[in-house]
C-alpha atoms as a PDB file:
ATOM      1  CA  MET A   1    -169.584 -40.240 -45.856  1.00  0.00           C
ATOM      2  CA  LYS A   2    -170.422 -38.738 -42.797  1.00  0.00           C
ATOM      3  CA  LYS A   3    -168.323 -37.504 -40.055  1.00  0.00           C
ATOM      4  CA  ILE A   4    -168.891 -39.106 -36.490  1.00  0.00           C
ATOM      5  CA  PHE A   5    -168.725 -37.111 -33.483  1.00  0.00           C
ATOM      6  CA  CYS A   6    -168.711 -39.119 -29.972  1.00  0.00           C
ATOM      7  CA  ILE A   7    -168.929 -37.579 -27.068  1.00  0.00           C
ATOM      8  CA  GLY A   8    -167.866 -38.522 -23.605  1.00  0.00           C
ATOM      9  CA  GLU A   9    -165.316 -40.239 -21.588  1.00  0.00           C
ATOM     10  CA  LEU A  10    -161.870 -40.342 -22.181  1.00  0.00           C
ATOM     11  CA  LEU A  11    -159.567 -42.294 -19.006  1.00  0.00           C
ATOM     12  CA  ILE A  12    -157.063 -44.964 -18.609  1.00  0.00           C
ATOM     13  CA  ASP A  13    -158.310 -48.549 -17.625  1.00  0.00           C
ATOM     14  CA  PHE A  14    -155.900 -50.105 -15.225  1.00  0.00           C
ATOM     15  CA  VAL A  15    -157.015 -54.063 -16.215  1.00  0.00           C
ATOM     16  CA  ALA A  16    -155.975 -56.515 -13.367  1.00  0.00           C
ATOM     17  CA  GLU A  17    -154.965 -59.457 -15.983  1.00  0.00           C
ATOM     18  CA  ASN A  18    -155.706 -63.248 -15.389  1.00  0.00           C
ATOM     19  CA  GLN A  19    -156.138 -62.198 -11.482  1.00  0.00           C
ATOM     20  CA  GLY A  20    -159.788 -63.188 -11.041  1.00  0.00           C
ATOM     21  CA  ASN A  21    -162.404 -60.390 -10.620  1.00  0.00           C
ATOM     22  CA  ASP A  22    -161.365 -59.981  -6.915  1.00  0.00           C
ATOM     23  CA  LEU A  23    -160.189 -56.209  -7.527  1.00  0.00           C
ATOM     24  CA  SER A  24    -158.710 -56.310  -3.497  1.00  0.00           C
ATOM     25  CA  LYS A  25    -156.345 -59.164  -4.600  1.00  0.00           C
ATOM     26  CA  ALA A  26    -155.126 -57.497  -7.712  1.00  0.00           C
ATOM     27  CA  ASN A  27    -151.422 -56.321  -7.490  1.00  0.00           C
ATOM     28  CA  GLU A  28    -150.363 -56.127 -10.951  1.00  0.00           C
ATOM     29  CA  PHE A  29    -152.531 -53.926 -13.503  1.00  0.00           C
ATOM     30  CA  SER A  30    -151.803 -52.840 -17.086  1.00  0.00           C
ATOM     31  CA  LYS A  31    -152.149 -49.438 -18.792  1.00  0.00           C
ATOM     32  CA  LYS A  32    -154.548 -49.141 -21.324  1.00  0.00           C
ATOM     33  CA  ALA A  33    -156.891 -46.578 -23.042  1.00  0.00           C
ATOM     34  CA  GLY A  34    -160.188 -46.712 -22.153  1.00  0.00           C
ATOM     35  CA  GLY A  35    -163.324 -44.757 -22.070  1.00  0.00           C
ATOM     36  CA  ALA A  36    -166.496 -46.227 -24.188  1.00  0.00           C
ATOM     37  CA  PRO A  37    -167.166 -43.133 -26.988  1.00  0.00           C
ATOM     38  CA  ALA A  38    -162.822 -42.840 -27.456  1.00  0.00           C
ATOM     39  CA  ASN A  39    -163.285 -46.828 -27.738  1.00  0.00           C
ATOM     40  CA  VAL A  40    -166.024 -45.910 -30.420  1.00  0.00           C
ATOM     41  CA  ALA A  41    -164.226 -43.179 -32.334  1.00  0.00           C
ATOM     42  CA  CYS A  42    -161.054 -45.512 -32.459  1.00  0.00           C
ATOM     43  CA  ALA A  43    -163.378 -48.070 -34.167  1.00  0.00           C
ATOM     44  CA  ILE A  44    -164.837 -46.366 -36.380  1.00  0.00           C
ATOM     45  CA  SER A  45    -161.363 -45.036 -37.483  1.00  0.00           C
ATOM     46  CA  LYS A  46    -159.718 -48.244 -37.912  1.00  0.00           C
ATOM     47  CA  LEU A  47    -162.186 -48.995 -40.178  1.00  0.00           C
ATOM     48  CA  GLY A  48    -161.597 -46.016 -42.348  1.00  0.00           C
ATOM     49  CA  GLY A  49    -164.253 -43.596 -41.297  1.00  0.00           C
ATOM     50  CA  ASP A  50    -163.923 -39.913 -40.022  1.00  0.00           C
ATOM     51  CA  SER A  51    -164.311 -39.860 -36.231  1.00  0.00           C
ATOM     52  CA  PHE A  52    -164.162 -36.879 -34.197  1.00  0.00           C
ATOM     53  CA  PHE A  53    -163.819 -36.991 -30.414  1.00  0.00           C
ATOM     54  CA  ILE A  54    -165.050 -34.640 -27.887  1.00  0.00           C
ATOM     55  CA  GLY A  55    -163.997 -35.161 -24.220  1.00  0.00           C
ATOM     56  CA  CYS A  56    -161.845 -33.622 -21.334  1.00  0.00           C
ATOM     57  CA  VAL A  57    -158.465 -35.264 -20.114  1.00  0.00           C
ATOM     58  CA  GLY A  58    -155.875 -34.039 -17.743  1.00  0.00           C
ATOM     59  CA  ASN A  59    -153.006 -31.878 -18.569  1.00  0.00           C
ATOM     60  CA  ASP A  60    -150.996 -34.577 -16.835  1.00  0.00           C
ATOM     61  CA  PRO A  61    -148.678 -38.053 -18.572  1.00  0.00           C
ATOM     62  CA  PHE A  62    -151.600 -39.969 -18.277  1.00  0.00           C
ATOM     63  CA  GLY A  63    -154.109 -37.207 -20.372  1.00  0.00           C
ATOM     64  CA  LYS A  64    -151.243 -36.674 -22.796  1.00  0.00           C
ATOM     65  CA  PHE A  65    -150.908 -40.598 -23.445  1.00  0.00           C
ATOM     66  CA  LEU A  66    -154.520 -40.744 -24.287  1.00  0.00           C
ATOM     67  CA  LEU A  67    -154.672 -37.905 -26.677  1.00  0.00           C
ATOM     68  CA  ARG A  68    -151.523 -39.668 -28.573  1.00  0.00           C
ATOM     69  CA  ILE A  69    -153.045 -43.023 -28.181  1.00  0.00           C
ATOM     70  CA  LEU A  70    -155.983 -41.127 -30.371  1.00  0.00           C
ATOM     71  CA  GLU A  71    -153.893 -39.196 -33.169  1.00  0.00           C
ATOM     72  CA  GLU A  72    -151.946 -42.437 -33.855  1.00  0.00           C
ATOM     73  CA  GLU A  73    -155.615 -43.904 -34.333  1.00  0.00           C
ATOM     74  CA  HIS A  74    -155.983 -41.126 -36.768  1.00  0.00           C
ATOM     75  CA  VAL A  75    -159.191 -39.780 -34.635  1.00  0.00           C
ATOM     76  CA  ASN A  76    -159.724 -36.450 -34.292  1.00  0.00           C
ATOM     77  CA  ILE A  77    -158.735 -34.384 -31.651  1.00  0.00           C
ATOM     78  CA  THR A  78    -158.895 -30.544 -32.405  1.00  0.00           C
ATOM     79  CA  MET A  79    -162.515 -30.657 -30.121  1.00  0.00           C
ATOM     80  CA  ALA A  80    -161.035 -32.208 -27.135  1.00  0.00           C
ATOM     81  CA  GLN A  81    -159.729 -30.269 -23.947  1.00  0.00           C
ATOM     82  CA  GLU A  82    -157.304 -30.471 -21.612  1.00  0.00           C
ATOM     83  CA  SER A  83    -157.977 -29.816 -17.878  1.00  0.00           C
ATOM     84  CA  ASP A  84    -155.927 -29.051 -14.772  1.00  0.00           C
ATOM     85  CA  THR A  85    -158.011 -31.917 -13.240  1.00  0.00           C
ATOM     86  CA  PHE A  86    -155.798 -35.510 -12.855  1.00  0.00           C
ATOM     87  CA  THR A  87    -157.351 -37.702 -15.633  1.00  0.00           C
ATOM     88  CA  THR A  88    -159.932 -40.538 -14.729  1.00  0.00           C
ATOM     89  CA  LEU A  89    -158.969 -43.367 -13.742  1.00  0.00           C
ATOM     90  CA  ALA A  90    -160.850 -46.677 -14.068  1.00  0.00           C
ATOM     91  CA  PHE A  91    -159.830 -49.870 -12.316  1.00  0.00           C
ATOM     92  CA  VAL A  92    -160.933 -53.252 -14.254  1.00  0.00           C
ATOM     93  CA  SER A  93    -161.199 -56.677 -13.145  1.00  0.00           C
ATOM     94  CA  LEU A  94    -161.369 -59.629 -15.642  1.00  0.00           C
ATOM     95  CA  ASP A  95    -163.268 -63.469 -14.842  1.00  0.00           C
ATOM     96  CA  GLU A  96    -162.303 -65.991 -16.505  1.00  0.00           C
ATOM     97  CA  ASP A  97    -164.700 -65.460 -18.878  1.00  0.00           C
ATOM     98  CA  GLY A  98    -163.289 -61.773 -19.656  1.00  0.00           C
ATOM     99  CA  GLU A  99    -165.962 -60.474 -18.380  1.00  0.00           C
ATOM    100  CA  ARG A 100    -165.520 -57.068 -16.600  1.00  0.00           C
ATOM    101  CA  ASP A 101    -165.997 -54.941 -13.587  1.00  0.00           C
ATOM    102  CA  PHE A 102    -165.071 -51.354 -12.593  1.00  0.00           C
ATOM    103  CA  VAL A 103    -164.124 -48.963  -9.552  1.00  0.00           C
ATOM    104  CA  PHE A 104    -163.535 -45.641 -10.895  1.00  0.00           C
ATOM    105  CA  SER A 105    -161.326 -42.647  -9.496  1.00  0.00           C
ATOM    106  CA  ARG A 106    -163.131 -39.938 -11.701  1.00  0.00           C
ATOM    107  CA  GLY A 107    -160.944 -36.809 -12.648  1.00  0.00           C
ATOM    108  CA  ALA A 108    -161.173 -34.232 -15.757  1.00  0.00           C
ATOM    109  CA  ASP A 109    -164.089 -36.042 -17.981  1.00  0.00           C
ATOM    110  CA  ARG A 110    -166.321 -34.248 -15.781  1.00  0.00           C
ATOM    111  CA  GLU A 111    -164.712 -30.975 -16.806  1.00  0.00           C
ATOM    112  CA  LEU A 112    -165.689 -30.442 -20.647  1.00  0.00           C
ATOM    113  CA  VAL A 113    -166.618 -27.386 -21.420  1.00  0.00           C
ATOM    114  CA  TYR A 114    -169.640 -27.259 -23.956  1.00  0.00           C
ATOM    115  CA  ASP A 115    -168.408 -25.086 -27.131  1.00  0.00           C
ATOM    116  CA  SER A 116    -171.007 -23.670 -29.252  1.00  0.00           C
ATOM    117  CA  SER A 117    -168.815 -23.188 -32.336  1.00  0.00           C
ATOM    118  CA  HIS A 118    -169.021 -27.303 -32.484  1.00  0.00           C
ATOM    119  CA  LYS A 119    -172.878 -27.091 -33.824  1.00  0.00           C
ATOM    120  CA  ASN A 120    -171.716 -26.059 -37.286  1.00  0.00           C
ATOM    121  CA  TYR A 121    -169.786 -29.400 -37.948  1.00  0.00           C
ATOM    122  CA  PHE A 122    -173.067 -31.453 -36.656  1.00  0.00           C
ATOM    123  CA  GLU A 123    -174.986 -30.862 -39.722  1.00  0.00           C
ATOM    124  CA  GLN A 124    -176.408 -33.838 -41.406  1.00  0.00           C
ATOM    125  CA  ASN A 125    -173.924 -36.023 -39.637  1.00  0.00           C
ATOM    126  CA  ILE A 126    -173.572 -38.520 -36.840  1.00  0.00           C
ATOM    127  CA  ILE A 127    -173.433 -37.897 -33.341  1.00  0.00           C
ATOM    128  CA  HIS A 128    -172.963 -40.966 -30.764  1.00  0.00           C
ATOM    129  CA  PHE A 129    -173.256 -39.980 -26.789  1.00  0.00           C
ATOM    130  CA  GLY A 130    -171.868 -42.887 -24.597  1.00  0.00           C
ATOM    131  CA  ALA A 131    -172.994 -42.087 -21.494  1.00  0.00           C
ATOM    132  CA  ALA A 132    -170.951 -43.999 -18.853  1.00  0.00           C
ATOM    133  CA  THR A 133    -170.208 -41.150 -17.087  1.00  0.00           C
ATOM    134  CA  ALA A 134    -171.426 -37.808 -18.600  1.00  0.00           C
ATOM    135  CA  LEU A 135    -174.435 -37.622 -16.583  1.00  0.00           C
ATOM    136  CA  LEU A 136    -173.498 -37.750 -12.826  1.00  0.00           C
ATOM    137  CA  GLY A 137    -173.612 -33.883 -13.434  1.00  0.00           C
ATOM    138  CA  GLY A 138    -170.930 -30.881 -13.572  1.00  0.00           C
ATOM    139  CA  PRO A 139    -170.020 -29.294 -16.808  1.00  0.00           C
ATOM    140  CA  LEU A 140    -170.079 -32.485 -18.657  1.00  0.00           C
ATOM    141  CA  GLU A 141    -173.351 -33.003 -18.212  1.00  0.00           C
ATOM    142  CA  GLU A 142    -174.375 -29.740 -19.313  1.00  0.00           C
ATOM    143  CA  ALA A 143    -172.482 -29.812 -22.398  1.00  0.00           C
ATOM    144  CA  TYR A 144    -173.626 -33.174 -22.967  1.00  0.00           C
ATOM    145  CA  ASN A 145    -177.732 -32.066 -23.226  1.00  0.00           C
ATOM    146  CA  ARG A 146    -176.631 -28.974 -25.209  1.00  0.00           C
ATOM    147  CA  TYR A 147    -174.841 -30.778 -27.416  1.00  0.00           C
ATOM    148  CA  LEU A 148    -177.859 -33.332 -27.803  1.00  0.00           C
ATOM    149  CA  PHE A 149    -180.011 -30.397 -28.603  1.00  0.00           C
ATOM    150  CA  ASP A 150    -177.454 -29.114 -31.300  1.00  0.00           C
ATOM    151  CA  GLY A 151    -177.456 -32.190 -33.155  1.00  0.00           C
ATOM    152  CA  LEU A 152    -181.278 -31.897 -33.307  1.00  0.00           C
ATOM    153  CA  THR A 153    -181.220 -28.674 -34.226  1.00  0.00           C
ATOM    154  CA  LYS A 154    -178.738 -29.343 -37.083  1.00  0.00           C
ATOM    155  CA  ASN A 155    -180.521 -32.584 -38.145  1.00  0.00           C
ATOM    156  CA  ALA A 156    -177.573 -34.971 -37.020  1.00  0.00           C
ATOM    157  CA  PHE A 157    -178.301 -38.900 -36.466  1.00  0.00           C
ATOM    158  CA  ILE A 158    -178.081 -39.048 -33.169  1.00  0.00           C
ATOM    159  CA  SER A 159    -177.020 -42.389 -31.596  1.00  0.00           C
ATOM    160  CA  PHE A 160    -177.097 -43.557 -27.883  1.00  0.00           C
ATOM    161  CA  ASP A 161    -175.529 -45.967 -25.620  1.00  0.00           C
ATOM    162  CA  PRO A 162    -176.130 -45.383 -21.631  1.00  0.00           C
ATOM    163  CA  ASN A 163    -172.978 -47.564 -20.717  1.00  0.00           C
ATOM    164  CA  TYR A 164    -174.187 -48.322 -17.007  1.00  0.00           C
ATOM    165  CA  ARG A 165    -171.754 -49.103 -14.382  1.00  0.00           C
ATOM    166  CA  VAL A 166    -172.986 -50.045 -11.244  1.00  0.00           C
ATOM    167  CA  ASP A 167    -169.976 -48.267  -9.243  1.00  0.00           C
ATOM    168  CA  LEU A 168    -170.794 -45.384 -10.580  1.00  0.00           C
ATOM    169  CA  TRP A 169    -174.779 -45.259 -10.111  1.00  0.00           C
ATOM    170  CA  LYS A 170    -175.020 -47.105  -6.517  1.00  0.00           C
ATOM    171  CA  ASN A 171    -178.310 -46.082  -4.648  1.00  0.00           C
ATOM    172  CA  LYS A 172    -178.935 -43.680  -7.837  1.00  0.00           C
ATOM    173  CA  VAL A 173    -180.173 -46.002 -10.344  1.00  0.00           C
ATOM    174  CA  ASP A 174    -183.996 -44.088 -10.284  1.00  0.00           C
ATOM    175  CA  ILE A 175    -181.743 -41.331 -11.773  1.00  0.00           C
ATOM    176  CA  PHE A 176    -180.102 -42.859 -13.863  1.00  0.00           C
ATOM    177  CA  LYS A 177    -182.949 -44.164 -15.424  1.00  0.00           C
ATOM    178  CA  ARG A 178    -184.772 -40.816 -15.737  1.00  0.00           C
ATOM    179  CA  LYS A 179    -181.753 -39.186 -17.375  1.00  0.00           C
ATOM    180  CA  CYS A 180    -181.168 -41.416 -19.890  1.00  0.00           C
ATOM    181  CA  GLU A 181    -185.287 -41.230 -21.318  1.00  0.00           C
ATOM    182  CA  ALA A 182    -184.659 -37.987 -22.729  1.00  0.00           C
ATOM    183  CA  PHE A 183    -181.428 -39.435 -24.848  1.00  0.00           C
ATOM    184  CA  ILE A 184    -183.307 -42.373 -26.178  1.00  0.00           C
ATOM    185  CA  GLU A 185    -186.233 -40.303 -26.632  1.00  0.00           C
ATOM    186  CA  LYS A 186    -184.404 -38.110 -29.490  1.00  0.00           C
ATOM    187  CA  SER A 187    -182.328 -41.000 -30.545  1.00  0.00           C
ATOM    188  CA  GLN A 188    -182.674 -42.872 -33.781  1.00  0.00           C
ATOM    189  CA  LEU A 189    -180.240 -45.851 -32.821  1.00  0.00           C
ATOM    190  CA  CYS A 190    -179.961 -47.120 -28.858  1.00  0.00           C
ATOM    191  CA  LYS A 191    -177.190 -49.980 -28.501  1.00  0.00           C
ATOM    192  CA  PHE A 192    -177.884 -51.444 -24.783  1.00  0.00           C
ATOM    193  CA  SER A 193    -176.787 -54.538 -23.021  1.00  0.00           C
ATOM    194  CA  LEU A 194    -179.219 -56.937 -22.103  1.00  0.00           C
ATOM    195  CA  GLU A 195    -178.991 -55.364 -18.576  1.00  0.00           C
ATOM    196  CA  GLU A 196    -179.529 -51.916 -19.732  1.00  0.00           C
ATOM    197  CA  ALA A 197    -182.311 -52.882 -21.776  1.00  0.00           C
ATOM    198  CA  GLN A 198    -184.341 -54.484 -18.572  1.00  0.00           C
ATOM    199  CA  LEU A 199    -183.191 -52.130 -16.562  1.00  0.00           C
ATOM    200  CA  LEU A 200    -184.705 -49.322 -18.341  1.00  0.00           C
ATOM    201  CA  SER A 201    -187.839 -50.733 -19.600  1.00  0.00           C
ATOM    202  CA  GLY A 202    -188.662 -52.505 -16.252  1.00  0.00           C
ATOM    203  CA  LYS A 203    -189.040 -55.792 -18.476  1.00  0.00           C
ATOM    204  CA  GLU A 204    -187.163 -59.200 -18.220  1.00  0.00           C
ATOM    205  CA  ASN A 205    -187.765 -60.545 -21.890  1.00  0.00           C
ATOM    206  CA  VAL A 206    -185.955 -58.515 -24.275  1.00  0.00           C
ATOM    207  CA  ALA A 207    -188.481 -58.417 -26.826  1.00  0.00           C
ATOM    208  CA  GLU A 208    -190.741 -56.489 -24.605  1.00  0.00           C
ATOM    209  CA  ALA A 209    -187.855 -54.372 -23.189  1.00  0.00           C
ATOM    210  CA  CYS A 210    -187.364 -53.332 -26.968  1.00  0.00           C
ATOM    211  CA  THR A 211    -191.667 -52.785 -27.109  1.00  0.00           C
ATOM    212  CA  VAL A 212    -191.102 -50.131 -24.085  1.00  0.00           C
ATOM    213  CA  LEU A 213    -187.855 -48.498 -25.275  1.00  0.00           C
ATOM    214  CA  HIS A 214    -189.651 -47.766 -28.959  1.00  0.00           C
ATOM    215  CA  GLU A 215    -192.483 -46.730 -26.876  1.00  0.00           C
ATOM    216  CA  MET A 216    -190.406 -43.644 -25.374  1.00  0.00           C
ATOM    217  CA  GLY A 217    -189.082 -42.920 -28.904  1.00  0.00           C
ATOM    218  CA  THR A 218    -186.198 -44.506 -30.640  1.00  0.00           C
ATOM    219  CA  GLU A 219    -186.615 -45.919 -34.122  1.00  0.00           C
ATOM    220  CA  ILE A 220    -183.623 -48.573 -34.095  1.00  0.00           C
ATOM    221  CA  ILE A 221    -182.472 -51.007 -31.258  1.00  0.00           C
ATOM    222  CA  VAL A 222    -180.272 -53.167 -30.688  1.00  0.00           C
ATOM    223  CA  VAL A 223    -179.123 -55.300 -27.726  1.00  0.00           C
ATOM    224  CA  THR A 224    -175.915 -56.984 -27.377  1.00  0.00           C
ATOM    225  CA  LEU A 225    -176.259 -60.115 -26.012  1.00  0.00           C
ATOM    226  CA  GLY A 226    -172.475 -61.481 -25.680  1.00  0.00           C
ATOM    227  CA  SER A 227    -171.811 -64.790 -26.973  1.00  0.00           C
ATOM    228  CA  GLU A 228    -175.842 -65.066 -27.933  1.00  0.00           C
ATOM    229  CA  GLY A 229    -175.663 -62.282 -31.093  1.00  0.00           C
ATOM    230  CA  THR A 230    -177.224 -59.574 -31.236  1.00  0.00           C
ATOM    231  CA  TRP A 231    -181.229 -58.717 -30.840  1.00  0.00           C
ATOM    232  CA  LEU A 232    -182.384 -56.075 -33.626  1.00  0.00           C
ATOM    233  CA  SER A 233    -185.709 -54.259 -33.314  1.00  0.00           C
ATOM    234  CA  THR A 234    -187.398 -51.419 -34.684  1.00  0.00           C
ATOM    235  CA  LYS A 235    -190.975 -51.047 -34.679  1.00  0.00           C
ATOM    236  CA  HIS A 236    -191.631 -52.911 -37.356  1.00  0.00           C
ATOM    237  CA  TYR A 237    -189.719 -56.030 -36.429  1.00  0.00           C
ATOM    238  CA  GLN A 238    -187.290 -58.038 -33.880  1.00  0.00           C
ATOM    239  CA  LYS A 239    -185.106 -60.665 -34.502  1.00  0.00           C
ATOM    240  CA  ASN A 240    -182.070 -62.206 -32.951  1.00  0.00           C
ATOM    241  CA  ILE A 241    -179.099 -62.523 -34.895  1.00  0.00           C
ATOM    242  CA  ALA A 242    -175.891 -64.747 -34.239  1.00  0.00           C
ATOM    243  CA  SER A 243    -172.489 -63.532 -33.792  1.00  0.00           C
ATOM    244  CA  ILE A 244    -169.408 -65.591 -34.368  1.00  0.00           C
ATOM    245  CA  LYS A 245    -167.554 -68.129 -32.092  1.00  0.00           C
ATOM    246  CA  VAL A 246    -164.481 -66.856 -30.606  1.00  0.00           C
ATOM    247  CA  THR A 247    -162.901 -67.594 -27.360  1.00  0.00           C
ATOM    248  CA  PRO A 248    -162.643 -64.440 -25.448  1.00  0.00           C
ATOM    249  CA  LYS A 249    -159.839 -62.983 -23.359  1.00  0.00           C
ATOM    250  CA  ASP A 250    -161.702 -59.192 -22.218  1.00  0.00           C
ATOM    251  CA  THR A 251    -164.684 -58.081 -23.229  1.00  0.00           C
ATOM    252  CA  THR A 252    -163.854 -54.228 -22.999  1.00  0.00           C
ATOM    253  CA  GLY A 253    -164.345 -52.899 -25.637  1.00  0.00           C
ATOM    254  CA  ALA A 254    -166.582 -55.187 -27.471  1.00  0.00           C
ATOM    255  CA  GLY A 255    -169.596 -53.332 -27.540  1.00  0.00           C
ATOM    256  CA  ASP A 256    -167.482 -50.377 -28.326  1.00  0.00           C
ATOM    257  CA  ALA A 257    -166.295 -52.609 -31.567  1.00  0.00           C
ATOM    258  CA  PHE A 258    -169.628 -53.296 -32.296  1.00  0.00           C
ATOM    259  CA  ILE A 259    -171.594 -49.632 -32.531  1.00  0.00           C
ATOM    260  CA  GLY A 260    -168.799 -48.209 -33.674  1.00  0.00           C
ATOM    261  CA  CYS A 261    -168.805 -50.775 -37.102  1.00  0.00           C
ATOM    262  CA  LEU A 262    -172.858 -50.519 -36.835  1.00  0.00           C
ATOM    263  CA  LEU A 263    -172.068 -46.807 -37.118  1.00  0.00           C
ATOM    264  CA  HIS A 264    -169.167 -46.351 -39.896  1.00  0.00           C
ATOM    265  CA  GLN A 265    -171.540 -48.604 -41.945  1.00  0.00           C
ATOM    266  CA  ILE A 266    -174.675 -46.200 -41.139  1.00  0.00           C
ATOM    267  CA  ALA A 267    -172.281 -43.215 -41.764  1.00  0.00           C
ATOM    268  CA  LYS A 268    -172.002 -44.589 -45.707  1.00  0.00           C
ATOM    269  CA  HIS A 269    -175.624 -45.339 -45.979  1.00  0.00           C
ATOM    270  CA  PRO A 270    -177.480 -42.929 -48.712  1.00  0.00           C
ATOM    271  CA  ASP A 271    -180.952 -42.066 -47.092  1.00  0.00           C
ATOM    272  CA  LEU A 272    -180.947 -42.674 -43.332  1.00  0.00           C
ATOM    273  CA  ASP A 273    -184.161 -41.630 -42.943  1.00  0.00           C
ATOM    274  CA  THR A 274    -185.447 -44.958 -45.012  1.00  0.00           C
ATOM    275  CA  LEU A 275    -182.909 -47.048 -43.271  1.00  0.00           C
ATOM    276  CA  VAL A 276    -185.081 -48.085 -40.473  1.00  0.00           C
ATOM    277  CA  GLU A 277    -187.361 -49.849 -42.450  1.00  0.00           C
ATOM    278  CA  ASN A 278    -184.628 -51.686 -44.655  1.00  0.00           C
ATOM    279  CA  GLU A 279    -184.725 -54.622 -42.508  1.00  0.00           C
ATOM    280  CA  GLU A 280    -182.264 -56.507 -45.225  1.00  0.00           C
ATOM    281  CA  VAL A 281    -179.741 -54.087 -44.953  1.00  0.00           C
ATOM    282  CA  LEU A 282    -180.066 -53.247 -41.002  1.00  0.00           C
ATOM    283  CA  THR A 283    -179.945 -57.197 -40.751  1.00  0.00           C
ATOM    284  CA  GLN A 284    -176.296 -57.189 -42.805  1.00  0.00           C
ATOM    285  CA  MET A 285    -174.918 -54.134 -40.925  1.00  0.00           C
ATOM    286  CA  VAL A 286    -175.986 -56.254 -37.083  1.00  0.00           C
ATOM    287  CA  ILE A 287    -174.042 -59.253 -38.725  1.00  0.00           C
ATOM    288  CA  LYS A 288    -170.789 -56.859 -39.972  1.00  0.00           C
ATOM    289  CA  ALA A 289    -170.958 -55.730 -36.314  1.00  0.00           C
ATOM    290  CA  ASN A 290    -171.392 -58.860 -34.575  1.00  0.00           C
ATOM    291  CA  LYS A 291    -168.061 -59.952 -36.109  1.00  0.00           C
ATOM    292  CA  ALA A 292    -166.010 -56.418 -35.057  1.00  0.00           C
ATOM    293  CA  GLY A 293    -167.795 -56.920 -31.193  1.00  0.00           C
ATOM    294  CA  ALA A 294    -166.054 -60.897 -31.273  1.00  0.00           C
ATOM    295  CA  ILE A 295    -163.097 -60.062 -32.607  1.00  0.00           C
ATOM    296  CA  THR A 296    -161.965 -57.680 -30.073  1.00  0.00           C
ATOM    297  CA  THR A 297    -162.908 -60.029 -27.178  1.00  0.00           C
ATOM    298  CA  THR A 298    -159.734 -62.327 -28.190  1.00  0.00           C
ATOM    299  CA  ASN A 299    -157.358 -59.990 -26.680  1.00  0.00           C
ATOM    300  CA  PHE A 300    -156.392 -57.646 -24.113  1.00  0.00           C
ATOM    301  CA  GLY A 301    -157.567 -54.143 -23.982  1.00  0.00           C
ATOM    302  CA  ALA A 302    -159.825 -52.255 -26.226  1.00  0.00           C
ATOM    303  CA  ILE A 303    -158.486 -49.757 -28.674  1.00  0.00           C
ATOM    304  CA  GLU A 304    -155.625 -52.149 -29.664  1.00  0.00           C
ATOM    305  CA  SER A 305    -157.847 -54.925 -29.867  1.00  0.00           C
ATOM    306  CA  LEU A 306    -160.313 -53.287 -32.172  1.00  0.00           C
ATOM    307  CA  PRO A 307    -160.451 -54.436 -36.207  1.00  0.00           C
ATOM    308  CA  THR A 308    -159.353 -52.832 -38.953  1.00  0.00           C
ATOM    309  CA  ILE A 309    -160.993 -53.208 -41.865  1.00  0.00           C
ATOM    310  CA  GLN A 310    -159.369 -55.805 -43.084  1.00  0.00           C
ATOM    311  CA  GLN A 311    -158.923 -58.396 -40.085  1.00  0.00           C
ATOM    312  CA  LEU A 312    -162.929 -57.964 -40.637  1.00  0.00           C
ATOM    313  CA  GLU A 313    -163.179 -58.743 -43.807  1.00  0.00           C
ATOM    314  CA  ALA A 314    -160.876 -61.709 -43.582  1.00  0.00           C
END
């Protein structure tokens, strides 16, 4: 089984549970571990995979809490870093359908420093880039780009999720799109929400959006459509794959559970060079990943809601 390296932010989600989607009216918050790449790493490890987290937290109680959570979930944190800058915080509101909105207070996540020794571990393995905060400049973005280059030179399988957050990219959407294009071009797998696929392609129709995104370079695209399932697209075929029906409480982490489950299955596949052509295998992988995403929405918080292999198979 291939190792999976998840690169990006690890932060505290302060969740205003059951208080509507207006953060200005929220009085009570629950502290949760968060950050999309960290969630993906935990999703992989919960399913029995071999995951590593590369990111930075503050040398403070919040940072220590986050690293402890990852350790308890059996994620390898030997490549994680600590900074004297405070740990990044995100304030999350939930509406009645469990949909989220974010306000960020950025800190240590931007301080990740590139480590050239890591590239020796990337050989023939998988690197997942979660980009919620990684393309906003500073040492993190520099490290992010250099790890992409390392992954390509070491023949790693590259996975990319733009994790678009409106609060972080106000009045800078064109910059976000331009920076994402380099990763879409070089990735074998891209995971998008419908909003992200439309934004990055300039097309409203999901099939047309995927055609444009394939032209940028990526081979396999999965577009998560919430309760409508997942749109699977390659240059050979496109199809919608239904999800299971659940009553969602919190959609935080659903996309991360989905891509974590998908990457865990890809890590076990014997021939990644032919995976893009194998429609039946990819379809079954997405069916299973849909289940992981759906299960995650039935509880509050991302990491604690991620399914184990026993829950997924049940």
